[in-house]
């Protein structure tokens, strides 16, 4: 079976944007899509170590009518052109749709497992929201939270590791912090 690193898209691979509502939002177009510093090298290092790289992203703005699926696919195409990703799986649903693919449910990860023959116990989920961490844990992956803010006791799930960026997360993975090994840094 194969190993994978599942990667949330916005905030992990590419920059998000702070809007007037105080929330971060994904890029609105391929032209606005900016890959974060160090991400190409981190992805290449993970690929060279034998990991599949699979994007898993919630894009509820399509269901909300504020974004078109074609634009999301064009952004994903740009990312795949510049990064060695095997694929990007997308959930276009909103919370009330109660689908199995919207994180924190693990559907995107589980369908990728079945398609690629992935050993989830030897794989990682990297994301910048608690929903990413919960989806990874529900699927049986090790989890890495990307962000500089400390997680609070009220946060729903604790990751196996917290990193400031994907390059830091990739370094942690590549230094032998494989699932099941003792000595992992716990938060």
N, C-alpha and C. Protein backbone atom coordinates (compact mmCIF):
# COMPACT_ATOMS: atom_id res chain seq x y z
N UNK A 1 0.84 -1.18 0.00
CA UNK A 1 0.00 0.00 0.00
C UNK A 1 0.88 1.25 0.00
N UNK A 2 0.32 2.33 -0.49
CA UNK A 2 1.07 3.57 -0.65
C UNK A 2 0.86 4.52 0.52
N UNK A 3 1.78 5.45 0.70
CA UNK A 3 1.67 6.49 1.72
C UNK A 3 1.30 7.80 1.02
N UNK A 4 0.58 8.66 1.76
CA UNK A 4 0.16 9.93 1.17
C UNK A 4 0.26 11.05 2.20
N UNK A 5 0.39 12.24 1.68
CA UNK A 5 0.20 13.44 2.47
C UNK A 5 -1.00 14.14 1.86
N UNK A 6 -2.06 14.25 2.64
CA UNK A 6 -3.27 14.96 2.23
C UNK A 6 -3.09 16.41 2.62
N UNK A 7 -3.36 17.31 1.70
CA UNK A 7 -3.09 18.73 1.90
C UNK A 7 -4.35 19.55 1.69
N UNK A 8 -4.73 20.31 2.71
CA UNK A 8 -5.77 21.30 2.50
C UNK A 8 -5.22 22.31 1.49
N UNK A 9 -6.08 22.96 0.77
CA UNK A 9 -5.62 23.87 -0.29
C UNK A 9 -5.35 25.28 0.25
N UNK A 10 -6.41 25.99 0.60
CA UNK A 10 -6.30 27.40 0.96
C UNK A 10 -5.70 27.57 2.36
N UNK A 11 -4.60 28.30 2.43
CA UNK A 11 -3.91 28.50 3.70
C UNK A 11 -2.77 27.52 3.93
N UNK A 12 -2.71 26.47 3.13
CA UNK A 12 -1.63 25.49 3.22
C UNK A 12 -0.78 25.55 1.94
N UNK A 13 -1.43 25.44 0.79
CA UNK A 13 -0.73 25.51 -0.49
C UNK A 13 -0.68 26.93 -1.03
N UNK A 14 -1.79 27.64 -0.91
CA UNK A 14 -1.88 28.99 -1.45
C UNK A 14 -2.37 29.99 -0.40
N UNK A 15 -2.08 31.24 -0.67
CA UNK A 15 -2.44 32.33 0.24
C UNK A 15 -3.96 32.50 0.29
N UNK A 16 -4.45 32.83 1.48
CA UNK A 16 -5.85 33.24 1.64
C UNK A 16 -5.88 34.74 1.85
N UNK A 17 -7.06 35.32 1.75
CA UNK A 17 -7.21 36.77 1.81
C UNK A 17 -8.19 37.14 2.91
N UNK A 18 -7.83 38.15 3.69
CA UNK A 18 -8.68 38.65 4.76
C UNK A 18 -9.65 39.67 4.18
N UNK A 19 -10.94 39.44 4.41
CA UNK A 19 -11.96 40.34 3.89
C UNK A 19 -12.55 41.18 5.01
N UNK A 20 -13.41 42.09 4.62
CA UNK A 20 -14.05 43.01 5.58
C UNK A 20 -14.79 42.29 6.69
N UNK A 21 -15.28 41.09 6.42
CA UNK A 21 -16.03 40.35 7.44
C UNK A 21 -15.12 39.75 8.51
N UNK A 22 -13.81 39.94 8.37
CA UNK A 22 -12.86 39.43 9.36
C UNK A 22 -12.47 37.98 9.14
N UNK A 23 -13.00 37.35 8.12
CA UNK A 23 -12.69 35.95 7.82
C UNK A 23 -11.75 35.87 6.63
N UNK A 24 -11.00 34.76 6.59
CA UNK A 24 -10.16 34.54 5.42
C UNK A 24 -10.97 33.85 4.34
N UNK A 25 -10.63 34.18 3.11
CA UNK A 25 -11.33 33.63 1.95
C UNK A 25 -10.32 33.11 0.94
N UNK A 26 -10.72 32.14 0.14
CA UNK A 26 -9.81 31.62 -0.90
C UNK A 26 -9.65 32.66 -2.00
N UNK A 27 -8.67 32.45 -2.87
CA UNK A 27 -8.53 33.36 -4.01
C UNK A 27 -9.79 33.29 -4.87
N UNK A 28 -10.11 34.41 -5.51
CA UNK A 28 -11.32 34.50 -6.32
C UNK A 28 -11.10 34.05 -7.76
N UNK A 29 -9.83 33.90 -8.16
CA UNK A 29 -9.52 33.55 -9.55
C UNK A 29 -8.14 32.92 -9.61
N UNK A 30 -7.82 32.29 -10.74
CA UNK A 30 -6.46 31.76 -10.90
C UNK A 30 -5.41 32.88 -10.83
N UNK A 31 -5.74 34.04 -11.35
CA UNK A 31 -4.80 35.16 -11.35
C UNK A 31 -4.49 35.62 -9.92
N UNK A 32 -5.45 35.49 -9.02
CA UNK A 32 -5.26 35.90 -7.64
C UNK A 32 -4.59 34.82 -6.80
N UNK A 33 -4.43 33.63 -7.36
CA UNK A 33 -3.87 32.50 -6.63
C UNK A 33 -2.36 32.63 -6.52
N UNK A 34 -1.87 32.67 -5.27
CA UNK A 34 -0.45 32.81 -4.99
C UNK A 34 0.00 31.64 -4.13
N UNK A 35 0.91 30.85 -4.66
CA UNK A 35 1.46 29.72 -3.90
C UNK A 35 2.33 30.28 -2.78
N UNK A 36 2.17 29.72 -1.59
CA UNK A 36 2.89 30.22 -0.43
C UNK A 36 4.39 29.90 -0.53
N UNK A 37 5.23 30.74 0.09
CA UNK A 37 6.69 30.52 0.03
C UNK A 37 7.08 29.14 0.57
N UNK A 38 7.99 28.51 -0.14
CA UNK A 38 8.53 27.22 0.28
C UNK A 38 7.67 26.02 -0.06
N UNK A 39 6.44 26.24 -0.52
CA UNK A 39 5.53 25.12 -0.80
C UNK A 39 6.03 24.24 -1.95
N UNK A 40 6.52 24.81 -3.07
CA UNK A 40 7.01 23.92 -4.14
C UNK A 40 8.13 22.99 -3.67
N UNK A 41 9.09 23.52 -2.93
CA UNK A 41 10.19 22.69 -2.44
C UNK A 41 9.73 21.63 -1.45
N UNK A 42 8.80 22.00 -0.57
CA UNK A 42 8.27 21.04 0.40
C UNK A 42 7.53 19.91 -0.31
N UNK A 43 6.73 20.26 -1.31
CA UNK A 43 6.00 19.23 -2.06
C UNK A 43 6.98 18.32 -2.81
N UNK A 44 8.00 18.91 -3.40
CA UNK A 44 8.98 18.10 -4.13
C UNK A 44 9.72 17.15 -3.20
N UNK A 45 10.07 17.61 -2.01
CA UNK A 45 10.77 16.75 -1.04
C UNK A 45 9.89 15.59 -0.60
N UNK A 46 8.61 15.86 -0.36
CA UNK A 46 7.68 14.80 0.03
C UNK A 46 7.50 13.80 -1.11
N UNK A 47 7.40 14.31 -2.33
CA UNK A 47 7.25 13.45 -3.51
C UNK A 47 8.48 12.55 -3.66
N UNK A 48 9.68 13.12 -3.50
CA UNK A 48 10.91 12.34 -3.63
C UNK A 48 11.02 11.28 -2.54
N UNK A 49 10.38 11.52 -1.41
CA UNK A 49 10.38 10.53 -0.32
C UNK A 49 9.34 9.43 -0.55
N UNK A 50 8.59 9.53 -1.63
CA UNK A 50 7.66 8.47 -1.99
C UNK A 50 6.21 8.69 -1.60
N UNK A 51 5.88 9.87 -1.15
CA UNK A 51 4.50 10.16 -0.76
C UNK A 51 3.68 10.61 -1.95
N UNK A 52 2.45 10.13 -2.03
CA UNK A 52 1.46 10.72 -2.92
C UNK A 52 1.08 12.06 -2.30
N UNK A 53 0.78 13.05 -3.12
CA UNK A 53 0.34 14.35 -2.63
C UNK A 53 -1.06 14.62 -3.16
N UNK A 54 -2.01 14.66 -2.23
CA UNK A 54 -3.41 14.77 -2.62
C UNK A 54 -4.05 15.95 -1.90
N UNK A 55 -4.52 16.91 -2.68
CA UNK A 55 -5.25 18.03 -2.11
C UNK A 55 -6.66 17.60 -1.75
N UNK A 56 -7.13 18.06 -0.61
CA UNK A 56 -8.51 17.81 -0.18
C UNK A 56 -9.06 19.13 0.34
N UNK A 57 -10.07 19.66 -0.35
CA UNK A 57 -10.51 21.02 -0.05
C UNK A 57 -12.03 21.16 -0.05
N UNK A 58 -12.53 21.87 0.95
CA UNK A 58 -13.93 22.29 0.98
C UNK A 58 -14.04 23.59 0.19
N UNK A 59 -14.98 23.68 -0.71
CA UNK A 59 -15.23 24.91 -1.47
C UNK A 59 -16.72 25.22 -1.45
N UNK A 60 -17.26 25.57 -0.26
CA UNK A 60 -18.70 25.78 -0.12
C UNK A 60 -19.22 27.02 -0.83
N UNK A 61 -18.33 27.91 -1.27
CA UNK A 61 -18.81 29.11 -1.96
C UNK A 61 -19.54 28.76 -3.25
N UNK A 62 -19.25 27.58 -3.82
CA UNK A 62 -19.98 27.14 -5.01
C UNK A 62 -21.44 26.88 -4.65
N UNK A 63 -21.68 26.15 -3.57
CA UNK A 63 -23.06 25.88 -3.12
C UNK A 63 -23.75 27.17 -2.70
N UNK A 64 -23.00 28.12 -2.18
CA UNK A 64 -23.56 29.40 -1.72
C UNK A 64 -23.82 30.37 -2.87
N UNK A 65 -23.32 30.03 -4.06
CA UNK A 65 -23.57 30.86 -5.23
C UNK A 65 -22.62 32.05 -5.37
N UNK A 66 -21.53 32.07 -4.61
CA UNK A 66 -20.59 33.19 -4.70
C UNK A 66 -19.32 32.82 -5.47
N UNK A 67 -19.24 31.59 -5.95
CA UNK A 67 -18.11 31.14 -6.76
C UNK A 67 -18.62 30.09 -7.73
N UNK A 68 -17.95 29.93 -8.85
CA UNK A 68 -18.33 28.93 -9.84
C UNK A 68 -17.35 27.76 -9.78
N UNK A 69 -17.89 26.56 -9.97
CA UNK A 69 -17.04 25.36 -9.94
C UNK A 69 -15.94 25.45 -10.98
N UNK A 70 -16.21 26.06 -12.12
CA UNK A 70 -15.21 26.18 -13.18
C UNK A 70 -14.02 27.01 -12.71
N UNK A 71 -14.27 28.03 -11.89
CA UNK A 71 -13.17 28.86 -11.38
C UNK A 71 -12.35 28.07 -10.37
N UNK A 72 -13.03 27.31 -9.50
CA UNK A 72 -12.31 26.46 -8.54
C UNK A 72 -11.43 25.47 -9.29
N UNK A 73 -11.96 24.87 -10.34
CA UNK A 73 -11.18 23.91 -11.12
C UNK A 73 -10.00 24.58 -11.83
N UNK A 74 -10.18 25.82 -12.28
CA UNK A 74 -9.09 26.56 -12.92
C UNK A 74 -7.98 26.87 -11.90
N UNK A 75 -8.37 27.22 -10.66
CA UNK A 75 -7.39 27.45 -9.60
C UNK A 75 -6.64 26.15 -9.31
N UNK A 76 -7.38 25.04 -9.21
CA UNK A 76 -6.74 23.74 -8.96
C UNK A 76 -5.80 23.36 -10.10
N UNK A 77 -6.19 23.65 -11.32
CA UNK A 77 -5.33 23.36 -12.47
C UNK A 77 -4.03 24.15 -12.38
N UNK A 78 -4.12 25.41 -11.98
CA UNK A 78 -2.91 26.23 -11.82
C UNK A 78 -2.01 25.64 -10.74
N UNK A 79 -2.60 25.24 -9.62
CA UNK A 79 -1.80 24.65 -8.54
C UNK A 79 -1.12 23.37 -9.01
N UNK A 80 -1.85 22.53 -9.72
CA UNK A 80 -1.28 21.27 -10.21
C UNK A 80 -0.20 21.51 -11.26
N UNK A 81 -0.31 22.61 -11.98
CA UNK A 81 0.73 22.95 -12.97
C UNK A 81 2.04 23.32 -12.28
N UNK A 82 1.95 23.97 -11.12
CA UNK A 82 3.14 24.47 -10.43
C UNK A 82 3.62 23.57 -9.29
N UNK A 83 2.80 22.62 -8.87
CA UNK A 83 3.15 21.75 -7.74
C UNK A 83 3.00 20.29 -8.16
N UNK A 84 3.80 19.38 -7.62
CA UNK A 84 3.72 17.96 -8.01
C UNK A 84 2.59 17.22 -7.28
N UNK A 85 1.36 17.73 -7.42
CA UNK A 85 0.21 17.10 -6.77
C UNK A 85 -0.34 16.00 -7.66
N UNK A 86 -0.72 14.89 -7.05
CA UNK A 86 -1.32 13.80 -7.82
C UNK A 86 -2.76 14.12 -8.21
N UNK A 87 -3.45 14.82 -7.33
CA UNK A 87 -4.80 15.26 -7.63
C UNK A 87 -5.26 16.21 -6.53
N UNK A 88 -6.38 16.89 -6.81
CA UNK A 88 -7.05 17.71 -5.80
C UNK A 88 -8.51 17.27 -5.80
N UNK A 89 -8.97 16.79 -4.64
CA UNK A 89 -10.37 16.38 -4.48
C UNK A 89 -11.12 17.52 -3.81
N UNK A 90 -12.33 17.80 -4.32
CA UNK A 90 -13.08 18.97 -3.89
C UNK A 90 -14.46 18.57 -3.39
N UNK A 91 -14.87 19.16 -2.27
CA UNK A 91 -16.26 19.10 -1.82
C UNK A 91 -16.87 20.47 -2.09
N UNK A 92 -17.91 20.51 -2.90
CA UNK A 92 -18.58 21.76 -3.24
C UNK A 92 -19.79 22.03 -2.35
N UNK A 93 -20.06 21.16 -1.41
CA UNK A 93 -21.26 21.28 -0.57
C UNK A 93 -21.09 22.30 0.55
N UNK A 94 -22.22 22.69 1.14
CA UNK A 94 -22.23 23.55 2.31
C UNK A 94 -22.64 22.70 3.51
N UNK A 95 -22.53 23.25 4.70
CA UNK A 95 -22.82 22.49 5.93
C UNK A 95 -24.17 21.79 5.91
N UNK A 96 -25.21 22.49 5.49
CA UNK A 96 -26.56 21.92 5.55
C UNK A 96 -26.77 20.77 4.57
N UNK A 97 -25.87 20.58 3.63
CA UNK A 97 -25.98 19.46 2.68
C UNK A 97 -25.71 18.12 3.34
N UNK A 98 -24.98 18.13 4.46
CA UNK A 98 -24.71 16.92 5.24
C UNK A 98 -24.13 15.79 4.39
N UNK A 99 -23.19 16.15 3.53
CA UNK A 99 -22.56 15.15 2.67
C UNK A 99 -21.43 14.44 3.43
N UNK A 100 -20.95 13.36 2.88
CA UNK A 100 -19.86 12.62 3.53
C UNK A 100 -18.48 13.14 3.13
N UNK A 101 -18.43 14.05 2.15
CA UNK A 101 -17.12 14.53 1.68
C UNK A 101 -16.70 15.85 2.32
N UNK A 102 -17.61 16.56 2.96
CA UNK A 102 -17.24 17.86 3.54
C UNK A 102 -16.52 17.66 4.86
N UNK A 103 -15.26 18.15 4.91
CA UNK A 103 -14.52 18.07 6.16
C UNK A 103 -15.28 18.86 7.23
N UNK A 104 -15.45 18.33 8.42
CA UNK A 104 -14.61 17.37 9.11
C UNK A 104 -14.90 15.89 8.84
N UNK A 105 -15.88 15.59 7.99
CA UNK A 105 -16.08 14.18 7.64
C UNK A 105 -14.93 13.74 6.73
N UNK A 106 -14.57 12.48 6.77
CA UNK A 106 -13.36 12.02 6.07
C UNK A 106 -13.59 11.52 4.64
N UNK A 107 -14.73 11.81 4.04
CA UNK A 107 -15.05 11.24 2.73
C UNK A 107 -14.03 11.48 1.64
N UNK A 108 -13.49 12.70 1.54
CA UNK A 108 -12.50 12.98 0.50
C UNK A 108 -11.26 12.10 0.67
N UNK A 109 -10.85 11.91 1.91
CA UNK A 109 -9.67 11.09 2.20
C UNK A 109 -9.96 9.62 1.93
N UNK A 110 -11.14 9.16 2.32
CA UNK A 110 -11.48 7.74 2.15
C UNK A 110 -11.63 7.36 0.68
N UNK A 111 -12.21 8.25 -0.13
CA UNK A 111 -12.32 7.92 -1.56
C UNK A 111 -10.96 7.93 -2.23
N UNK A 112 -10.07 8.83 -1.79
CA UNK A 112 -8.69 8.83 -2.31
C UNK A 112 -7.98 7.54 -1.90
N UNK A 113 -8.19 7.11 -0.67
CA UNK A 113 -7.59 5.85 -0.19
C UNK A 113 -7.98 4.70 -1.11
N UNK A 114 -9.26 4.62 -1.41
CA UNK A 114 -9.75 3.52 -2.25
C UNK A 114 -9.21 3.61 -3.68
N UNK A 115 -9.13 4.80 -4.22
CA UNK A 115 -8.67 4.99 -5.59
C UNK A 115 -7.18 4.70 -5.73
N UNK A 116 -6.37 5.18 -4.78
CA UNK A 116 -4.91 5.09 -4.89
C UNK A 116 -4.31 3.92 -4.12
N UNK A 117 -5.09 3.22 -3.31
CA UNK A 117 -4.53 2.13 -2.51
C UNK A 117 -3.62 2.64 -1.41
N UNK A 118 -4.12 3.57 -0.62
CA UNK A 118 -3.32 4.26 0.40
C UNK A 118 -3.50 3.60 1.76
N UNK A 119 -2.39 3.46 2.48
CA UNK A 119 -2.39 3.02 3.87
C UNK A 119 -2.52 4.28 4.73
N UNK A 120 -3.72 4.52 5.23
CA UNK A 120 -3.96 5.75 5.98
C UNK A 120 -3.19 5.81 7.29
N UNK A 121 -2.88 4.67 7.88
CA UNK A 121 -2.11 4.66 9.13
C UNK A 121 -0.67 5.13 8.90
N UNK A 122 -0.22 5.12 7.64
CA UNK A 122 1.13 5.58 7.30
C UNK A 122 1.09 6.92 6.57
N UNK A 123 -0.02 7.63 6.70
CA UNK A 123 -0.24 8.87 5.95
C UNK A 123 -0.50 10.04 6.89
N UNK A 124 -0.50 11.24 6.32
CA UNK A 124 -0.64 12.48 7.08
C UNK A 124 -1.71 13.37 6.45
N UNK A 125 -2.42 14.12 7.30
CA UNK A 125 -3.32 15.17 6.85
C UNK A 125 -2.77 16.48 7.37
N UNK A 126 -2.57 17.46 6.46
CA UNK A 126 -2.02 18.77 6.82
C UNK A 126 -3.08 19.82 6.50
N UNK A 127 -3.46 20.59 7.52
CA UNK A 127 -4.47 21.62 7.30
C UNK A 127 -4.36 22.77 8.27
N UNK A 128 -5.12 23.83 7.97
CA UNK A 128 -5.06 25.04 8.80
C UNK A 128 -6.35 25.31 9.56
N UNK A 129 -7.24 24.33 9.64
CA UNK A 129 -8.49 24.47 10.39
C UNK A 129 -8.75 23.18 11.17
N UNK A 130 -9.54 23.32 12.23
CA UNK A 130 -9.86 22.14 13.04
C UNK A 130 -10.57 21.09 12.20
N UNK A 131 -11.33 21.51 11.18
CA UNK A 131 -12.04 20.54 10.34
C UNK A 131 -11.06 19.63 9.59
N UNK A 132 -9.92 20.17 9.19
CA UNK A 132 -8.90 19.36 8.53
C UNK A 132 -8.34 18.32 9.49
N UNK A 133 -8.06 18.77 10.71
CA UNK A 133 -7.48 17.87 11.71
C UNK A 133 -8.47 16.75 12.05
N UNK A 134 -9.73 17.12 12.25
CA UNK A 134 -10.72 16.09 12.58
C UNK A 134 -10.92 15.11 11.43
N UNK A 135 -10.96 15.60 10.20
CA UNK A 135 -11.11 14.70 9.05
C UNK A 135 -9.96 13.71 8.98
N UNK A 136 -8.74 14.21 9.18
CA UNK A 136 -7.57 13.33 9.16
C UNK A 136 -7.61 12.29 10.26
N UNK A 137 -7.99 12.71 11.46
CA UNK A 137 -8.07 11.77 12.58
C UNK A 137 -9.16 10.74 12.36
N UNK A 138 -10.30 11.18 11.84
CA UNK A 138 -11.40 10.23 11.59
C UNK A 138 -11.02 9.20 10.53
N UNK A 139 -10.13 9.60 9.62
CA UNK A 139 -9.67 8.68 8.57
C UNK A 139 -8.54 7.78 9.06
N UNK A 140 -7.93 8.12 10.19
CA UNK A 140 -6.84 7.31 10.72
C UNK A 140 -5.45 7.80 10.35
N UNK A 141 -5.33 9.06 9.94
CA UNK A 141 -4.04 9.66 9.58
C UNK A 141 -3.41 10.37 10.77
N UNK A 142 -2.11 10.59 10.70
CA UNK A 142 -1.45 11.54 11.58
C UNK A 142 -1.86 12.93 11.09
N UNK A 143 -1.89 13.92 11.98
CA UNK A 143 -2.36 15.23 11.57
C UNK A 143 -1.37 16.32 11.95
N UNK A 144 -1.29 17.31 11.07
CA UNK A 144 -0.42 18.47 11.29
C UNK A 144 -1.24 19.72 11.05
N UNK A 145 -1.24 20.59 12.05
CA UNK A 145 -1.95 21.86 11.96
C UNK A 145 -0.97 22.93 11.51
N UNK A 146 -1.35 23.69 10.47
CA UNK A 146 -0.54 24.80 9.98
C UNK A 146 -1.10 26.09 10.57
N UNK A 147 -0.28 26.78 11.33
CA UNK A 147 -0.69 28.05 11.90
C UNK A 147 0.23 28.43 13.03
N UNK A 148 0.33 29.73 13.27
CA UNK A 148 1.23 30.20 14.32
C UNK A 148 0.50 30.46 15.63
N UNK A 149 -0.81 30.50 15.60
CA UNK A 149 -1.57 30.70 16.83
C UNK A 149 -1.66 29.38 17.59
N UNK A 150 -1.44 29.42 18.90
CA UNK A 150 -1.57 28.17 19.66
C UNK A 150 -3.03 27.70 19.68
N UNK A 151 -3.20 26.41 19.61
CA UNK A 151 -4.54 25.85 19.72
C UNK A 151 -4.97 25.92 21.18
N UNK A 152 -6.21 26.23 21.39
CA UNK A 152 -6.74 26.39 22.74
C UNK A 152 -7.40 25.10 23.20
N UNK A 153 -7.59 24.99 24.51
CA UNK A 153 -8.25 23.80 25.05
C UNK A 153 -9.64 23.60 24.46
N UNK A 154 -10.27 24.69 24.04
CA UNK A 154 -11.61 24.59 23.47
C UNK A 154 -11.63 24.10 22.04
N UNK A 155 -10.46 24.06 21.37
CA UNK A 155 -10.42 23.55 20.01
C UNK A 155 -10.81 22.08 20.03
N UNK A 156 -11.52 21.67 19.01
CA UNK A 156 -12.14 20.35 19.01
C UNK A 156 -11.16 19.20 18.95
N UNK A 157 -10.12 19.34 18.17
CA UNK A 157 -9.16 18.25 17.99
C UNK A 157 -7.75 18.78 18.11
N UNK A 158 -6.89 17.99 18.70
CA UNK A 158 -5.48 18.36 18.81
C UNK A 158 -4.70 17.58 17.76
N UNK A 159 -3.85 18.26 16.99
CA UNK A 159 -3.04 17.57 15.98
C UNK A 159 -1.86 16.86 16.63
N UNK A 160 -1.20 16.03 15.85
CA UNK A 160 0.02 15.38 16.30
C UNK A 160 1.19 16.35 16.33
N UNK A 161 1.11 17.38 15.48
CA UNK A 161 2.19 18.36 15.40
C UNK A 161 1.60 19.67 14.90
N UNK A 162 2.19 20.79 15.32
CA UNK A 162 1.79 22.09 14.82
C UNK A 162 3.00 22.74 14.18
N UNK A 163 2.81 23.28 12.98
CA UNK A 163 3.90 23.91 12.22
C UNK A 163 3.44 25.28 11.73
N UNK A 164 4.39 26.15 11.48
CA UNK A 164 4.06 27.48 10.98
C UNK A 164 3.78 27.47 9.48
N UNK A 165 4.26 26.43 8.77
CA UNK A 165 4.13 26.40 7.31
C UNK A 165 4.24 24.96 6.82
N UNK A 166 3.90 24.78 5.54
CA UNK A 166 4.06 23.45 4.95
C UNK A 166 5.52 23.02 4.92
N UNK A 167 6.49 23.89 4.63
CA UNK A 167 7.88 23.44 4.69
C UNK A 167 8.26 22.89 6.07
N UNK A 168 7.81 23.51 7.14
CA UNK A 168 8.11 23.01 8.48
C UNK A 168 7.43 21.66 8.71
N UNK A 169 6.20 21.53 8.24
CA UNK A 169 5.48 20.26 8.37
C UNK A 169 6.18 19.16 7.59
N UNK A 170 6.62 19.47 6.37
CA UNK A 170 7.32 18.48 5.55
C UNK A 170 8.61 18.04 6.22
N UNK A 171 9.35 18.98 6.80
CA UNK A 171 10.58 18.63 7.51
C UNK A 171 10.29 17.66 8.65
N UNK A 172 9.22 17.91 9.39
CA UNK A 172 8.85 17.03 10.50
C UNK A 172 8.55 15.63 10.00
N UNK A 173 7.79 15.54 8.93
CA UNK A 173 7.46 14.23 8.35
C UNK A 173 8.73 13.52 7.89
N UNK A 174 9.58 14.24 7.18
CA UNK A 174 10.77 13.65 6.57
C UNK A 174 11.86 13.30 7.57
N UNK A 175 11.80 13.84 8.76
CA UNK A 175 12.80 13.50 9.79
C UNK A 175 12.42 12.25 10.55
N UNK A 176 11.53 11.48 10.00
CA UNK A 176 11.23 10.18 10.58
C UNK A 176 10.09 10.13 11.56
N UNK A 177 9.27 11.14 11.58
CA UNK A 177 8.12 11.13 12.49
C UNK A 177 6.97 10.37 11.85
N UNK A 178 7.24 9.12 11.63
CA UNK A 178 6.26 8.26 10.99
C UNK A 178 5.22 7.81 12.00
N UNK A 179 4.02 7.53 11.53
CA UNK A 179 2.98 7.04 12.44
C UNK A 179 3.46 5.84 13.24
N UNK A 180 3.16 5.87 14.51
CA UNK A 180 3.49 4.75 15.37
C UNK A 180 4.85 4.84 16.02
N UNK A 181 5.69 5.78 15.60
CA UNK A 181 7.02 5.90 16.19
C UNK A 181 6.95 6.69 17.49
N UNK A 182 7.75 6.30 18.45
CA UNK A 182 7.80 7.03 19.72
C UNK A 182 8.62 8.29 19.52
N UNK A 183 8.39 9.25 20.41
CA UNK A 183 9.18 10.47 20.36
C UNK A 183 8.58 11.57 19.51
N UNK A 184 7.36 11.40 19.05
CA UNK A 184 6.73 12.47 18.29
C UNK A 184 6.46 13.65 19.21
N UNK A 185 6.54 14.83 18.65
CA UNK A 185 6.23 16.03 19.42
C UNK A 185 4.73 16.15 19.53
N UNK A 186 4.22 16.11 20.73
CA UNK A 186 2.78 16.27 20.97
C UNK A 186 2.53 17.67 21.48
N UNK A 187 1.40 18.21 21.14
CA UNK A 187 1.01 19.54 21.65
C UNK A 187 0.36 19.43 22.99
